[in-house]
Protein backbone atom coordinates (compact mmCIF):
# COMPACT_ATOMS: atom_id res chain seq x y z
CA MET A 1 67.13 98.49 176.37
CA PRO A 2 65.69 98.89 172.85
CA GLN A 3 62.80 96.56 171.97
CA PRO A 4 64.78 94.67 169.24
CA LEU A 5 67.45 93.72 171.80
CA LYS A 6 64.76 92.66 174.30
CA GLU A 7 63.21 90.36 171.72
CA ALA A 8 66.67 89.02 170.81
CA VAL A 9 67.26 88.17 174.46
CA ALA A 10 63.89 86.40 174.52
CA LEU A 11 64.93 84.32 171.51
CA CYS A 12 68.20 83.45 173.23
CA LYS A 13 66.28 82.25 176.28
CA ILE A 14 64.10 80.01 174.12
CA ILE A 15 67.24 78.44 172.62
CA MET A 16 68.88 78.05 176.03
CA ARG A 17 65.78 76.40 177.50
CA ASN A 18 66.18 73.79 174.77
CA GLY A 19 69.70 73.01 175.94
CA TYR A 20 71.87 75.16 173.66
CA ASP A 21 74.01 78.21 174.31
CA ALA A 22 72.98 81.53 172.76
CA TYR A 23 73.79 85.20 173.27
CA VAL A 24 73.42 88.62 171.61
CA ILE A 25 76.66 89.57 169.88
CA ASN A 26 78.19 92.72 171.38
CA ALA A 27 74.92 94.35 172.53
CA PRO A 28 76.46 97.81 173.18
CA LEU A 29 77.76 98.07 169.60
CA GLN A 30 74.54 96.71 168.15
CA GLN A 31 72.55 99.33 170.05
CA LYS A 32 74.82 102.04 168.68
CA ALA A 33 74.67 100.79 165.09
CA MET A 34 70.95 99.92 165.02
CA ASP A 35 68.78 101.32 162.22
CA SER A 36 65.49 102.39 163.79
CA PHE A 37 63.62 101.90 160.48
CA ASN A 38 65.02 98.46 159.64
CA PRO A 39 66.25 97.02 162.92
CA GLU A 40 68.51 93.95 162.83
CA VAL A 41 70.10 92.03 165.69
CA ASP A 42 72.91 89.48 165.41
CA ILE A 43 72.72 86.40 167.65
CA CYS A 44 75.33 83.70 168.20
CA THR A 45 74.26 80.13 169.10
CA GLU A 46 75.60 76.59 169.04
CA LEU A 47 72.26 75.34 167.69
CA ASP A 48 72.65 74.56 164.00
CA SER A 49 70.39 75.82 161.20
CA GLU A 50 68.33 72.63 161.15
CA GLY A 51 67.60 72.98 164.86
CA LEU A 52 66.76 76.66 164.49
CA ALA A 53 64.29 75.84 161.71
CA LYS A 54 62.52 73.36 164.00
CA LEU A 55 62.40 75.89 166.84
CA PHE A 56 61.29 78.95 164.82
CA SER A 57 58.78 78.43 162.02
CA GLY A 58 59.81 81.49 160.01
CA PHE A 59 63.54 80.75 160.05
CA GLU A 60 65.31 81.00 156.67
CA GLU A 61 68.38 78.79 156.42
CA SER A 62 71.62 80.09 154.88
CA LEU A 63 74.05 78.04 152.82
CA ALA A 64 77.07 80.07 154.00
CA PRO A 65 79.28 78.12 156.46
CA ASP A 66 79.72 81.14 158.77
CA PHE A 67 76.06 82.23 158.77
CA SER A 68 73.23 79.95 159.95
CA GLY A 69 70.30 82.01 158.66
CA SER A 70 67.78 84.67 159.67
CA LEU A 71 64.37 85.10 161.22
CA ILE A 72 61.98 88.06 160.71
CA GLN A 73 59.66 88.63 163.62
CA ASP A 74 57.68 91.79 164.48
CA ASP A 75 59.45 93.61 161.63
CA ILE A 76 62.83 92.86 163.25
CA ARG A 77 65.44 90.78 161.43
CA PHE A 78 67.42 88.39 163.63
CA ASN A 79 70.63 87.03 162.11
CA PHE A 80 72.02 83.80 163.61
CA PHE A 81 75.71 82.93 163.57
CA PRO A 82 77.34 79.63 164.68
CA ALA A 83 79.05 79.73 168.06
CA ASP A 84 82.63 78.67 168.72
CA ILE A 85 82.40 75.10 170.02
CA ILE A 86 86.01 74.21 169.22
CA GLU A 87 87.73 73.40 172.51
CA SER A 88 91.19 74.17 171.12
CA SER A 89 90.51 77.72 169.91
CA TYR A 90 92.07 80.79 171.48
CA THR A 91 90.25 82.16 174.54
CA ASP A 92 89.65 85.60 173.06
CA GLY A 93 88.06 84.03 169.99
CA THR A 94 85.40 82.16 171.92
CA ILE A 95 83.01 85.11 172.00
CA ALA A 96 82.05 86.66 168.65
CA ARG A 97 82.34 90.46 169.06
CA LEU A 98 81.76 91.66 165.51
CA THR A 99 79.93 90.44 162.43
CA PRO A 100 80.34 91.61 158.83
CA ARG A 101 77.03 93.53 159.10
CA LEU A 102 78.20 95.35 162.25
CA VAL A 103 81.53 96.21 160.69
CA LYS A 104 79.82 97.64 157.61
CA ASN A 105 77.38 99.75 159.67
CA LEU A 106 80.05 101.06 162.01
CA GLU A 107 82.33 101.95 159.12
CA ALA A 108 79.46 103.88 157.48
CA MET A 109 78.99 105.77 160.76
CA GLY A 110 82.69 106.54 160.94
CA GLU A 111 82.92 104.60 164.22
CA LEU A 112 85.24 101.84 163.00
CA PRO A 113 88.50 102.29 161.04
CA LEU A 114 88.64 100.45 157.74
CA SER A 115 91.89 98.81 158.88
CA TRP A 116 90.10 96.78 161.56
CA ALA A 117 89.68 93.11 160.72
CA CYS A 118 86.50 91.33 161.68
CA PRO A 119 87.17 89.01 164.63
CA TYR A 120 86.44 85.35 164.29
CA ILE A 121 82.95 84.24 163.37
CA PRO A 122 82.95 80.47 163.99
CA ARG A 123 82.29 78.14 161.10
CA VAL A 124 81.88 74.40 160.57
CA ARG A 125 85.12 72.48 161.12
CA GLU A 126 86.41 70.67 158.02
CA ALA A 127 89.44 68.43 157.58
CA PHE A 128 91.49 71.06 155.71
CA ASP A 129 89.75 74.12 157.14
CA GLY A 130 92.30 76.89 157.63
CA PHE A 131 94.85 75.37 155.24
CA GLU A 132 95.80 76.24 151.69
CA LYS A 133 95.38 73.51 149.09
CA LEU A 134 98.00 70.77 149.23
CA ASP A 135 98.80 71.17 145.53
CA SER A 136 100.84 74.22 146.55
CA GLY A 137 103.61 71.75 147.43
CA HIS A 138 103.77 72.56 151.12
CA ILE A 139 101.63 72.68 154.26
CA CYS A 140 100.55 76.26 154.74
CA LEU A 141 97.94 77.93 156.95
CA GLU A 142 95.64 80.40 155.23
CA GLY A 143 96.00 84.13 155.70
CA ILE A 144 98.18 85.27 158.58
CA PRO A 145 99.35 81.95 160.12
CA ASP A 146 99.40 83.23 163.71
CA GLU A 147 95.83 84.53 163.45
CA THR A 148 94.57 81.40 161.69
CA LEU A 149 96.16 79.27 164.40
CA LYS A 150 94.46 81.27 167.14
CA LYS A 151 91.07 80.20 165.80
CA ASP A 152 91.91 76.54 166.39
CA TYR A 153 95.23 75.45 167.89
CA LEU A 154 94.51 71.87 166.85
CA ARG A 155 95.56 73.07 163.39
CA ALA A 156 99.16 73.01 164.60
CA VAL A 157 98.91 69.26 165.23
CA LYS A 158 97.07 68.81 161.93
CA ALA A 159 99.85 70.63 160.10
CA LEU A 160 102.39 68.18 161.55
CA ARG A 161 100.16 65.23 160.61
CA PHE A 162 99.65 66.48 157.06
CA SER A 163 103.38 67.04 156.67
CA ALA A 164 104.19 63.51 157.89
CA ASN A 165 101.47 61.66 155.97
CA TYR A 166 101.79 63.57 152.69
CA HIS A 167 105.57 63.99 152.81
CA LEU A 168 105.29 67.73 152.31
CA PRO A 169 107.38 70.45 154.02
CA ILE A 170 105.74 72.99 156.30
CA GLU A 171 105.84 76.52 154.90
CA GLY A 172 108.26 78.80 156.76
CA ASN A 173 105.83 81.27 158.29
CA THR A 174 103.44 78.47 159.25
CA TRP A 175 106.31 76.68 161.00
CA LEU A 176 107.26 79.84 162.89
CA ALA A 177 103.64 80.30 163.96
CA ILE A 178 103.57 76.73 165.30
CA LEU A 179 106.81 77.31 167.20
CA ARG A 180 105.47 80.52 168.73
CA ALA A 181 102.23 78.80 169.71
CA CYS A 182 103.67 75.53 171.07
CA ARG A 183 102.79 76.42 174.66
CA ARG A 184 99.26 77.42 173.72
CA VAL A 185 98.80 74.22 171.73
CA LEU A 186 99.46 72.31 174.94
CA ASP A 187 97.17 74.64 176.90
CA TYR A 188 94.18 74.62 174.56
CA VAL A 189 94.21 71.29 172.72
CA SER A 190 92.71 68.47 174.76
CA VAL A 191 94.60 65.18 175.04
CA THR A 192 91.65 63.43 173.38
CA ASP A 193 91.73 65.71 170.31
CA PHE A 194 95.50 65.46 170.19
CA MET A 195 95.46 61.66 170.17
CA ASP A 196 92.64 61.60 167.59
CA GLU A 197 95.06 63.36 165.24
CA TRP A 198 97.97 61.12 166.22
CA ARG A 199 95.94 58.01 165.43
CA LYS A 200 95.47 59.28 161.87
CA VAL A 201 99.23 59.18 161.29
CA GLU A 202 100.20 56.11 159.28
CA ALA A 203 102.61 53.69 160.94
CA GLU A 204 105.21 54.22 158.19
CA ASN A 205 105.13 57.97 158.80
CA MET A 206 104.94 58.03 162.59
CA TYR A 207 108.69 58.50 162.99
CA ARG A 208 108.44 61.73 160.99
CA PHE A 209 105.42 62.89 162.99
CA VAL A 210 107.24 62.50 166.33
CA GLU A 211 110.29 64.23 164.85
CA LEU A 212 108.08 67.21 164.03
CA LEU A 213 106.49 67.09 167.49
CA TYR A 214 110.00 67.20 168.94
CA ASP A 215 111.25 69.98 166.66
CA SER A 216 108.17 72.10 167.36
CA MET A 217 108.73 71.69 171.14
CA ILE A 218 105.19 70.30 171.54
CA LEU A 219 106.46 66.85 172.54
CA HIS A 220 108.53 68.45 175.31
CA GLY A 221 105.36 69.41 177.13
CA LEU A 222 103.31 66.38 176.13
CA VAL A 223 105.77 63.55 176.93
CA PRO A 224 108.91 65.02 178.55
CA GLU A 225 110.15 61.51 179.38
CA LEU A 226 110.76 60.94 175.66
CA THR A 227 112.40 64.24 174.81
CA SER A 228 114.82 63.77 177.72
CA LEU A 229 116.29 60.85 175.76
CA SER A 230 117.97 63.40 173.49
CA ARG A 231 120.29 64.23 176.42
CA VAL A 232 121.28 60.60 177.13
CA LYS A 233 123.84 58.88 174.91
CA GLN A 234 124.63 55.21 174.34
CA ILE A 235 127.16 53.29 172.27
CA LYS A 236 125.54 52.74 168.89
CA ASN A 237 128.14 50.09 168.00
CA PRO A 238 131.94 49.94 168.38
CA GLU A 239 132.46 51.35 164.88
CA ASN A 240 130.00 54.25 165.07
CA GLY A 241 130.54 55.37 168.67
CA GLU A 242 127.91 57.23 170.70
CA GLU A 243 124.49 58.47 169.66
CA PRO A 244 121.62 60.13 171.54
CA LEU A 245 118.90 57.71 172.60
CA TRP A 246 116.31 59.91 170.90
CA ASN A 247 118.02 59.48 167.51
CA HIS A 248 118.05 55.72 168.00
CA THR A 249 114.37 55.72 169.00
CA VAL A 250 113.29 57.60 165.86
CA GLU A 251 115.41 55.38 163.63
CA THR A 252 113.92 52.24 165.22
CA MET A 253 110.43 53.59 164.52
CA ARG A 254 111.42 54.20 160.91
CA ARG A 255 112.77 50.68 160.49
CA TYR A 256 109.98 48.72 162.18
CA PRO A 257 107.27 49.05 159.46
CA GLU A 258 109.70 47.75 156.83
CA GLU A 259 108.80 44.20 157.90
CA LEU A 260 105.38 44.78 159.51
CA PRO A 261 103.72 47.58 157.51
CA TYR A 262 100.62 49.29 158.87
CA ASP A 263 101.35 48.07 162.42
CA TRP A 264 100.49 51.25 164.31
CA TYR A 265 100.78 49.74 167.79
CA GLY A 266 104.09 48.02 167.09
CA THR A 267 105.53 51.29 165.77
CA LEU A 268 104.26 53.12 168.86
CA ALA A 269 105.90 50.49 171.07
CA CYS A 270 109.20 51.30 169.34
CA LEU A 271 108.72 54.92 170.41
CA PHE A 272 108.66 53.82 174.04
CA HIS A 273 111.02 50.83 173.90
CA ASP A 274 113.99 52.72 175.39
CA VAL A 275 112.16 55.22 177.61
CA GLY A 276 113.25 53.19 180.65
CA LYS A 277 116.92 53.96 179.93
CA LEU A 278 116.39 57.47 181.25
CA PHE A 279 115.61 55.98 184.66
CA ALA A 280 117.91 52.94 184.54
CA GLY A 281 121.06 54.71 183.28
CA GLU A 282 124.15 54.31 185.47
CA TYR A 283 127.80 55.03 184.75
CA PHE A 284 130.41 52.46 185.80
CA GLU A 285 134.06 52.72 184.79
CA ASN A 286 133.27 55.46 182.26
CA ARG A 287 130.62 53.39 180.50
CA ILE A 288 126.87 53.83 180.82
CA ASN A 289 124.71 50.79 181.55
CA PHE A 290 120.94 50.41 181.38
CA TYR A 291 120.21 47.28 183.37
CA GLN A 292 116.52 46.34 183.55
CA HIS A 293 115.52 49.27 181.36
CA HIS A 294 112.88 47.10 179.67
CA ARG A 295 111.12 46.41 182.98
CA ILE A 296 111.32 50.03 184.07
CA GLY A 297 110.30 51.19 180.60
CA ALA A 298 107.13 49.09 180.69
CA LYS A 299 106.07 50.79 183.93
CA VAL A 300 106.88 54.27 182.62
CA THR A 301 105.07 53.50 179.35
CA ARG A 302 101.97 52.40 181.25
CA LYS A 303 101.96 55.68 183.16
CA ILE A 304 102.41 57.78 180.00
CA LEU A 305 99.75 55.95 178.01
CA LYS A 306 97.21 56.37 180.78
CA ARG A 307 98.03 60.07 180.78
CA LEU A 308 97.41 60.11 177.02
CA ARG A 309 94.05 58.37 177.64
CA PHE A 310 94.69 55.11 175.83
CA ASN A 311 92.22 52.40 176.70
CA THR A 312 93.21 49.53 178.99
CA ASP A 313 93.76 46.95 176.23
CA GLU A 314 96.05 49.31 174.31
CA VAL A 315 98.03 50.14 177.44
CA ASP A 316 98.48 46.44 178.23
CA LEU A 317 99.57 45.63 174.67
CA ILE A 318 102.17 48.37 174.28
CA SER A 319 103.53 47.93 177.82
CA HIS A 320 103.86 44.19 177.13
CA LEU A 321 105.89 44.85 173.98
CA VAL A 322 108.18 47.27 175.83
CA ARG A 323 108.56 44.82 178.74
CA HIS A 324 109.73 41.94 176.51
CA HIS A 325 111.49 43.72 173.65
CA MET A 326 114.93 42.56 174.83
CA ARG A 327 114.08 38.83 174.86
CA PHE A 328 115.14 38.18 171.26
CA HIS A 329 118.43 40.06 171.57
CA PHE A 330 120.13 37.22 173.46
CA MET A 331 121.18 33.85 172.00
CA LEU A 332 118.38 31.60 173.24
CA THR A 333 118.56 27.92 174.16
CA ASP A 334 115.85 25.41 173.33
CA ARG A 335 114.16 26.18 176.60
CA GLY A 336 114.61 29.92 176.09
CA ILE A 337 113.10 29.90 172.60
CA ARG A 338 110.11 27.93 173.87
CA ARG A 339 109.54 30.48 176.61
CA PHE A 340 109.86 33.27 174.06
CA LYS A 341 107.42 31.70 171.63
CA SER A 342 104.88 31.29 174.42
CA LEU A 343 104.73 35.09 174.80
CA ALA A 344 101.80 36.95 173.31
CA GLU A 345 102.71 39.08 170.26
CA TYR A 346 106.08 37.33 169.84
CA SER A 347 106.11 38.13 166.09
CA ARG A 348 106.00 41.84 166.94
CA LEU A 349 108.82 41.35 169.45
CA ILE A 350 110.93 39.74 166.71
CA GLU A 351 110.41 42.73 164.44
CA MET A 352 111.18 45.16 167.27
CA ALA A 353 114.51 43.35 167.73
CA ARG A 354 115.18 43.46 163.98
CA ALA A 355 114.37 47.18 163.80
CA ASP A 356 116.60 47.83 166.83
CA ILE A 357 119.53 46.08 165.13
CA LYS A 358 118.95 47.96 161.88
CA ALA A 359 118.78 51.27 163.72
CA ARG A 360 122.23 50.83 165.26
CA ASN A 361 123.76 48.90 162.35
CA GLY A 362 124.44 46.06 164.78
CA SER A 363 125.30 42.39 164.49
CA TYR A 364 122.71 39.81 163.47
CA LYS A 365 124.59 36.89 165.05
CA GLU A 366 122.20 36.34 167.97
CA PHE A 367 119.16 37.29 165.89
CA ASN A 368 119.91 34.77 163.13
CA HIS A 369 120.60 32.05 165.70
CA ASN A 370 117.24 32.66 167.34
CA MET A 371 115.41 32.67 164.00
CA LYS A 372 116.80 29.19 163.29
CA MET A 373 115.84 28.05 166.77
CA LEU A 374 112.22 29.11 166.25
CA ASP A 375 111.51 26.00 164.15
CA ARG A 376 112.79 23.79 166.93
CA ALA A 377 110.26 25.27 169.32
CA ASP A 378 107.54 23.30 167.50
CA LEU A 379 109.26 19.98 168.16
CA SER A 380 108.42 17.78 171.13
CA GLN A 381 110.77 18.02 174.09
CA GLU A 382 111.97 14.44 173.46
CA MET A 383 113.29 15.43 170.05
CA LEU A 384 115.54 18.16 171.41
CA GLU A 385 118.09 15.68 172.80
CA PRO A 386 119.69 12.81 170.86
CA LEU A 387 118.39 9.31 171.61
CA LEU A 388 121.96 8.27 172.47
CA ASN A 389 124.24 10.24 174.78
CA GLY A 390 127.99 10.61 174.34
CA HIS A 391 128.94 7.57 176.41
CA GLU A 392 126.53 5.35 174.49
CA ILE A 393 127.86 6.63 171.17
CA MET A 394 131.42 5.76 172.25
CA ASP A 395 130.34 2.27 173.39
CA PHE A 396 128.58 1.39 170.13
CA THR A 397 131.18 2.92 167.78
CA ASP A 398 134.23 2.02 169.89
CA ILE A 399 135.77 5.50 169.48
CA LYS A 400 137.66 7.47 172.08
CA PRO A 401 136.48 10.77 173.69
CA GLY A 402 137.01 13.74 171.37
CA PRO A 403 135.43 16.00 168.73
CA ALA A 404 134.26 13.00 166.74
CA VAL A 405 131.72 12.14 169.43
CA GLY A 406 130.14 15.60 169.13
CA ILE A 407 130.04 15.34 165.33
CA ILE A 408 128.16 12.03 165.47
CA ARG A 409 125.85 13.35 168.19
CA ASP A 410 124.92 16.42 166.11
CA ALA A 411 124.33 14.25 163.04
CA LEU A 412 122.06 11.97 165.07
CA LEU A 413 120.06 14.93 166.38
CA GLU A 414 119.60 16.32 162.87
CA ALA A 415 118.36 12.89 161.73
CA GLN A 416 115.87 12.89 164.61
CA VAL A 417 114.64 16.38 163.76
CA SER A 418 114.16 15.44 160.11
CA GLY A 419 112.25 12.30 161.12
CA ASP A 420 114.76 9.78 159.72
CA VAL A 421 115.42 8.36 163.20
CA THR A 422 112.59 7.78 165.67
CA SER A 423 113.78 5.02 168.03
CA VAL A 424 116.89 3.78 169.87
CA PRO A 425 117.50 0.83 167.51
CA GLU A 426 117.29 3.19 164.54
CA ALA A 427 119.67 5.56 166.35
CA ILE A 428 122.24 2.77 166.87
CA GLU A 429 121.99 1.75 163.24
CA PHE A 430 122.34 5.39 162.14
CA ILE A 431 125.54 6.11 164.13
CA MET A 432 127.18 2.88 162.97
CA ARG A 433 126.34 3.72 159.36
CA TYR A 434 127.45 7.35 159.81
CA GLN A 435 130.79 6.28 161.35
CA LYS A 436 131.49 4.02 158.46
CA LYS A 437 130.44 6.56 155.87
CA GLU A 438 132.54 9.40 157.34
CA GLN A 439 135.38 7.01 158.26
CA ILE A 440 135.47 8.16 161.84
CA GLN A 441 137.93 6.22 164.05
């Protein structure tokens, strides 16, 4: 082994003893292309330029993002390049095999065709690294999209996030590259990195982000329980007929932030609110039913969120919202509305019900009734029943059984709720006065 390579190996060992990876880039080619009068060796390491300067006193830092700097020692120049530390990059791009200096030397020797492109030399990761400027009017990967994507498959998820958050279309060739790489995105991008990107999607745009995940086939591998909803249909409403559950889910997500903007967790709960229907679905007399889908959905959601590495508090919150999202869909009694209002996050549950109704263009009859009943939940239990029952009303007013008794009873209860009547004597006086005023016989 030539002396320059031996010294390069020694430098790599020094770096590795300090806890960082380092290796000589393509030693066979470097040996072949080495200039005996001005020897240079290219080294790749994860240690940054600041660390290299501390380790080697003669190190000269470079300002280039893909070149850390150089060190001259014993008349040998050692060039340091940043290593690939991106977990989501393509396997073959992990090891740097060529550098611009090697390419130039080999071309001069006639050993390397000019048509060869220099394989990936890792560089510092930036938010829009690998993307053209957004002022182009679309989301577009730089250069050849497939090759740019290979360097970091997380860029596929970023492209979907940029498209959703900035309301920009994805350029055609970039979209095709994402489609071709969907399996590799799932293979190379860690769940943690994936969810870091997802969390940067605004609540108002999350519906669009999951649409893109679905269209790119990435969601099929990440959360197959959700994509399966596209193959299950339900009655949207009697006028509009059937619709796939997936369509309803996306529309519910779109509607939810209209009343509770910026609520990321509430919007995410809408994504999972019907996931239990896949497991609860049952046909009876040519009609599909989804009994207890909210209970089943909460359990399925908990399992999915743990798989996506949400923390315990987040899992509990979203599973809770899925578990109780049907509560506000039924016309609640006084007791029912009190039980509902005692639930944690009941305001979010109200908005989930509202978004659900909007998504299917449904009836607000039960919803409006429950909204009126919410005020009554703050009243004491004694104020929820009139101070005089029907028999007592008939005795004091001397009227016969019939609708008139119910009318007086309702009027008495309203007077109690408003605070005009607070005792039995006041109640007797009120019904006598009301009978006379309305001329009830």
